[in-house]
Amino acid sequence: MNSTPASNKMSKKEARQIVYNKLTDALAEFKLVLKKKKFENNLLKATKLFGDDIAKSSVNSKSKVKKTNRRKAAKKSSEPVADNKSPD
């Protein structure tokens, strides 16, 4: 995962790979109990569900942050600036 996407958004494939690696490490003890093929199939199903949702939510949250920052900047620039001069 050394390559960084130009648009800073996480692709579904990258999200799936991250989730797959973390789930494999976390569920290592179950790998011994279940059959290898069954474990892999269930892990891939879970990875698809989690990875796709994570990729979608990361795109949505980044776009919402940008919109709110623009609105705050516009409100701040339109407000009158008060002089804070102290009487001497």
N, C-alpha and C. Protein backbone atom coordinates (compact mmCIF):
# COMPACT_ATOMS: atom_id res chain seq x y z
N MET A 1 0.81 -1.18 0.00
CA MET A 1 0.00 0.00 0.00
C MET A 1 0.86 1.26 0.00
N ASN A 2 1.93 1.22 -0.71
CA ASN A 2 2.81 2.36 -0.79
C ASN A 2 2.29 3.41 -1.76
N SER A 3 1.49 3.01 -2.72
CA SER A 3 0.97 3.96 -3.68
C SER A 3 -0.21 4.73 -3.09
N THR A 4 -0.21 6.03 -3.29
CA THR A 4 -1.26 6.88 -2.77
C THR A 4 -2.11 7.35 -3.94
N PRO A 5 -3.45 7.20 -3.85
CA PRO A 5 -4.29 7.67 -4.93
C PRO A 5 -4.23 9.20 -5.05
N ALA A 6 -4.36 9.69 -6.26
CA ALA A 6 -4.24 11.12 -6.50
C ALA A 6 -5.38 11.90 -5.87
N SER A 7 -6.56 11.31 -5.78
CA SER A 7 -7.71 12.04 -5.27
C SER A 7 -7.91 11.88 -3.77
N ASN A 8 -7.02 11.18 -3.09
CA ASN A 8 -7.08 10.96 -1.65
C ASN A 8 -8.30 10.17 -1.20
N LYS A 9 -8.99 9.51 -2.10
CA LYS A 9 -10.12 8.69 -1.69
C LYS A 9 -9.70 7.23 -1.74
N MET A 10 -10.24 6.46 -0.83
CA MET A 10 -9.89 5.05 -0.74
C MET A 10 -10.75 4.26 -1.71
N SER A 11 -10.10 3.46 -2.53
CA SER A 11 -10.86 2.64 -3.47
C SER A 11 -11.40 1.42 -2.74
N LYS A 12 -12.37 0.78 -3.36
CA LYS A 12 -12.97 -0.41 -2.76
C LYS A 12 -11.93 -1.51 -2.60
N LYS A 13 -11.07 -1.63 -3.59
CA LYS A 13 -10.05 -2.68 -3.55
C LYS A 13 -9.09 -2.47 -2.39
N GLU A 14 -8.66 -1.24 -2.17
CA GLU A 14 -7.76 -0.95 -1.06
C GLU A 14 -8.44 -1.20 0.28
N ALA A 15 -9.70 -0.77 0.40
CA ALA A 15 -10.44 -0.98 1.64
C ALA A 15 -10.61 -2.47 1.93
N ARG A 16 -10.92 -3.23 0.90
CA ARG A 16 -11.07 -4.68 1.08
C ARG A 16 -9.77 -5.32 1.53
N GLN A 17 -8.66 -4.89 0.95
CA GLN A 17 -7.36 -5.47 1.30
C GLN A 17 -7.01 -5.17 2.76
N ILE A 18 -7.26 -3.95 3.20
CA ILE A 18 -6.98 -3.57 4.58
C ILE A 18 -7.84 -4.39 5.54
N VAL A 19 -9.13 -4.50 5.24
CA VAL A 19 -10.04 -5.26 6.09
C VAL A 19 -9.66 -6.73 6.11
N TYR A 20 -9.31 -7.28 4.97
CA TYR A 20 -8.92 -8.68 4.89
C TYR A 20 -7.71 -8.97 5.77
N ASN A 21 -6.70 -8.11 5.68
CA ASN A 21 -5.49 -8.30 6.48
C ASN A 21 -5.78 -8.22 7.98
N LYS A 22 -6.59 -7.27 8.38
CA LYS A 22 -6.89 -7.10 9.80
C LYS A 22 -7.75 -8.25 10.33
N LEU A 23 -8.73 -8.68 9.53
CA LEU A 23 -9.57 -9.80 9.97
C LEU A 23 -8.78 -11.11 10.04
N THR A 24 -7.88 -11.31 9.11
CA THR A 24 -7.06 -12.52 9.12
C THR A 24 -6.21 -12.57 10.39
N ASP A 25 -5.63 -11.45 10.77
CA ASP A 25 -4.82 -11.40 11.99
C ASP A 25 -5.68 -11.59 13.24
N ALA A 26 -6.85 -10.96 13.25
CA ALA A 26 -7.71 -11.02 14.43
C ALA A 26 -8.34 -12.40 14.62
N LEU A 27 -8.61 -13.09 13.54
CA LEU A 27 -9.31 -14.38 13.62
C LEU A 27 -8.38 -15.57 13.39
N ALA A 28 -7.11 -15.40 13.69
CA ALA A 28 -6.13 -16.47 13.44
C ALA A 28 -6.45 -17.73 14.23
N GLU A 29 -6.99 -17.60 15.43
CA GLU A 29 -7.30 -18.78 16.24
C GLU A 29 -8.46 -19.59 15.67
N PHE A 30 -9.38 -18.95 14.96
CA PHE A 30 -10.49 -19.67 14.35
C PHE A 30 -10.07 -20.41 13.09
N LYS A 31 -8.97 -19.97 12.51
CA LYS A 31 -8.48 -20.61 11.30
C LYS A 31 -8.10 -22.06 11.58
N LEU A 32 -7.65 -22.33 12.78
CA LEU A 32 -7.27 -23.69 13.16
C LEU A 32 -8.48 -24.58 13.36
N VAL A 33 -9.60 -24.01 13.81
CA VAL A 33 -10.81 -24.77 14.12
C VAL A 33 -11.60 -25.09 12.86
N LEU A 34 -11.77 -24.12 11.98
CA LEU A 34 -12.57 -24.29 10.77
C LEU A 34 -11.73 -24.85 9.63
N LYS A 35 -12.42 -25.40 8.66
CA LYS A 35 -11.72 -25.84 7.46
C LYS A 35 -11.22 -24.62 6.70
N LYS A 36 -10.11 -24.77 6.02
CA LYS A 36 -9.46 -23.64 5.36
C LYS A 36 -10.36 -23.00 4.30
N LYS A 37 -11.02 -23.81 3.50
CA LYS A 37 -11.86 -23.28 2.42
C LYS A 37 -13.06 -22.52 2.99
N LYS A 38 -13.68 -23.07 4.02
CA LYS A 38 -14.83 -22.42 4.64
C LYS A 38 -14.41 -21.09 5.28
N PHE A 39 -13.28 -21.11 5.95
CA PHE A 39 -12.76 -19.90 6.59
C PHE A 39 -12.50 -18.81 5.55
N GLU A 40 -11.85 -19.17 4.47
CA GLU A 40 -11.53 -18.19 3.42
C GLU A 40 -12.79 -17.63 2.77
N ASN A 41 -13.77 -18.49 2.47
CA ASN A 41 -15.01 -18.03 1.85
C ASN A 41 -15.75 -17.05 2.74
N ASN A 42 -15.87 -17.37 4.02
CA ASN A 42 -16.56 -16.47 4.94
C ASN A 42 -15.79 -15.17 5.14
N LEU A 43 -14.48 -15.27 5.16
CA LEU A 43 -13.66 -14.08 5.31
C LEU A 43 -13.80 -13.16 4.10
N LEU A 44 -13.86 -13.73 2.91
CA LEU A 44 -14.03 -12.91 1.70
C LEU A 44 -15.39 -12.24 1.66
N LYS A 45 -16.43 -12.95 2.11
CA LYS A 45 -17.77 -12.34 2.15
C LYS A 45 -17.79 -11.15 3.11
N ALA A 46 -17.22 -11.33 4.28
CA ALA A 46 -17.19 -10.25 5.27
C ALA A 46 -16.36 -9.08 4.77
N THR A 47 -15.27 -9.39 4.11
CA THR A 47 -14.40 -8.35 3.57
C THR A 47 -15.12 -7.51 2.53
N LYS A 48 -15.89 -8.15 1.68
CA LYS A 48 -16.66 -7.40 0.67
C LYS A 48 -17.64 -6.46 1.33
N LEU A 49 -18.37 -6.96 2.32
CA LEU A 49 -19.36 -6.12 2.98
C LEU A 49 -18.72 -4.94 3.69
N PHE A 50 -17.73 -5.22 4.51
CA PHE A 50 -17.09 -4.15 5.27
C PHE A 50 -16.30 -3.20 4.37
N GLY A 51 -15.54 -3.74 3.46
CA GLY A 51 -14.68 -2.91 2.61
C GLY A 51 -15.44 -1.95 1.74
N ASP A 52 -16.53 -2.41 1.14
CA ASP A 52 -17.33 -1.53 0.29
C ASP A 52 -17.96 -0.41 1.09
N ASP A 53 -18.49 -0.73 2.26
CA ASP A 53 -19.12 0.28 3.10
C ASP A 53 -18.10 1.30 3.61
N ILE A 54 -16.93 0.83 3.96
CA ILE A 54 -15.89 1.74 4.44
C ILE A 54 -15.45 2.68 3.33
N ALA A 55 -15.29 2.17 2.13
CA ALA A 55 -14.88 3.01 1.00
C ALA A 55 -15.95 4.07 0.71
N LYS A 56 -17.21 3.70 0.75
CA LYS A 56 -18.30 4.65 0.51
C LYS A 56 -18.34 5.71 1.60
N SER A 57 -18.22 5.30 2.85
CA SER A 57 -18.32 6.26 3.95
C SER A 57 -17.13 7.20 3.98
N SER A 58 -15.95 6.74 3.58
CA SER A 58 -14.79 7.64 3.57
C SER A 58 -14.95 8.71 2.51
N VAL A 59 -15.54 8.39 1.38
CA VAL A 59 -15.78 9.38 0.34
C VAL A 59 -16.83 10.38 0.80
N ASN A 60 -17.91 9.90 1.41
CA ASN A 60 -18.98 10.79 1.86
C ASN A 60 -18.51 11.70 2.98
N SER A 61 -17.76 11.20 3.93
CA SER A 61 -17.33 12.03 5.05
C SER A 61 -16.34 13.10 4.60
N LYS A 62 -15.48 12.79 3.65
CA LYS A 62 -14.53 13.79 3.16
C LYS A 62 -15.24 14.90 2.42
N SER A 63 -16.27 14.59 1.64
CA SER A 63 -16.98 15.63 0.90
C SER A 63 -17.79 16.50 1.84
N LYS A 64 -18.33 15.93 2.92
CA LYS A 64 -19.09 16.72 3.88
C LYS A 64 -18.18 17.69 4.63
N VAL A 65 -16.99 17.26 4.96
CA VAL A 65 -16.06 18.12 5.66
C VAL A 65 -15.69 19.32 4.81
N LYS A 66 -15.46 19.12 3.54
CA LYS A 66 -15.10 20.22 2.67
C LYS A 66 -16.23 21.23 2.57
N LYS A 67 -17.47 20.77 2.47
CA LYS A 67 -18.60 21.67 2.36
C LYS A 67 -18.76 22.52 3.61
N THR A 68 -18.64 21.92 4.79
CA THR A 68 -18.83 22.68 6.02
C THR A 68 -17.71 23.69 6.20
N ASN A 69 -16.50 23.37 5.80
CA ASN A 69 -15.40 24.32 5.93
C ASN A 69 -15.63 25.54 5.05
N ARG A 70 -16.16 25.34 3.87
CA ARG A 70 -16.43 26.47 2.98
C ARG A 70 -17.50 27.38 3.57
N ARG A 71 -18.53 26.79 4.14
CA ARG A 71 -19.60 27.60 4.71
C ARG A 71 -19.10 28.40 5.91
N LYS A 72 -18.29 27.78 6.75
CA LYS A 72 -17.77 28.49 7.92
C LYS A 72 -16.89 29.64 7.48
N ALA A 73 -16.08 29.42 6.46
CA ALA A 73 -15.21 30.49 5.97
C ALA A 73 -16.03 31.65 5.41
N ALA A 74 -17.11 31.34 4.73
CA ALA A 74 -17.95 32.38 4.15
C ALA A 74 -18.64 33.18 5.25
N LYS A 75 -19.11 32.51 6.30
CA LYS A 75 -19.76 33.21 7.40
C LYS A 75 -18.78 34.11 8.13
N LYS A 76 -17.57 33.62 8.35
CA LYS A 76 -16.57 34.41 9.07
C LYS A 76 -16.18 35.66 8.28
N SER A 77 -16.06 35.55 6.98
CA SER A 77 -15.64 36.70 6.18
C SER A 77 -16.75 37.73 6.04
N SER A 78 -18.02 37.34 6.17
CA SER A 78 -19.12 38.28 6.01
C SER A 78 -19.47 39.01 7.31
N GLU A 79 -18.99 38.51 8.45
CA GLU A 79 -19.28 39.16 9.72
C GLU A 79 -18.40 40.41 9.88
N PRO A 80 -18.96 41.50 10.46
CA PRO A 80 -18.16 42.70 10.66
C PRO A 80 -17.12 42.45 11.75
N VAL A 81 -15.98 43.07 11.59
CA VAL A 81 -14.89 42.92 12.55
C VAL A 81 -14.97 44.07 13.53
N ALA A 82 -15.00 43.74 14.83
CA ALA A 82 -15.07 44.75 15.87
C ALA A 82 -13.67 45.18 16.27
N ASP A 83 -13.52 46.48 16.53
CA ASP A 83 -12.22 46.98 16.97
C ASP A 83 -12.08 46.72 18.46
N ASN A 84 -10.99 46.14 18.84
CA ASN A 84 -10.75 45.84 20.25
C ASN A 84 -9.69 46.78 20.83
N LYS A 85 -9.92 48.06 20.66
CA LYS A 85 -8.98 49.05 21.17
C LYS A 85 -9.34 49.35 22.62
N SER A 86 -8.35 49.28 23.46
CA SER A 86 -8.57 49.59 24.88
C SER A 86 -8.34 51.08 25.12
N PRO A 87 -9.17 51.69 25.95
CA PRO A 87 -8.98 53.13 26.21
C PRO A 87 -7.73 53.34 27.07
N ASP A 88 -6.87 54.24 26.62
CA ASP A 88 -5.64 54.54 27.37
C ASP A 88 -5.72 55.87 28.04
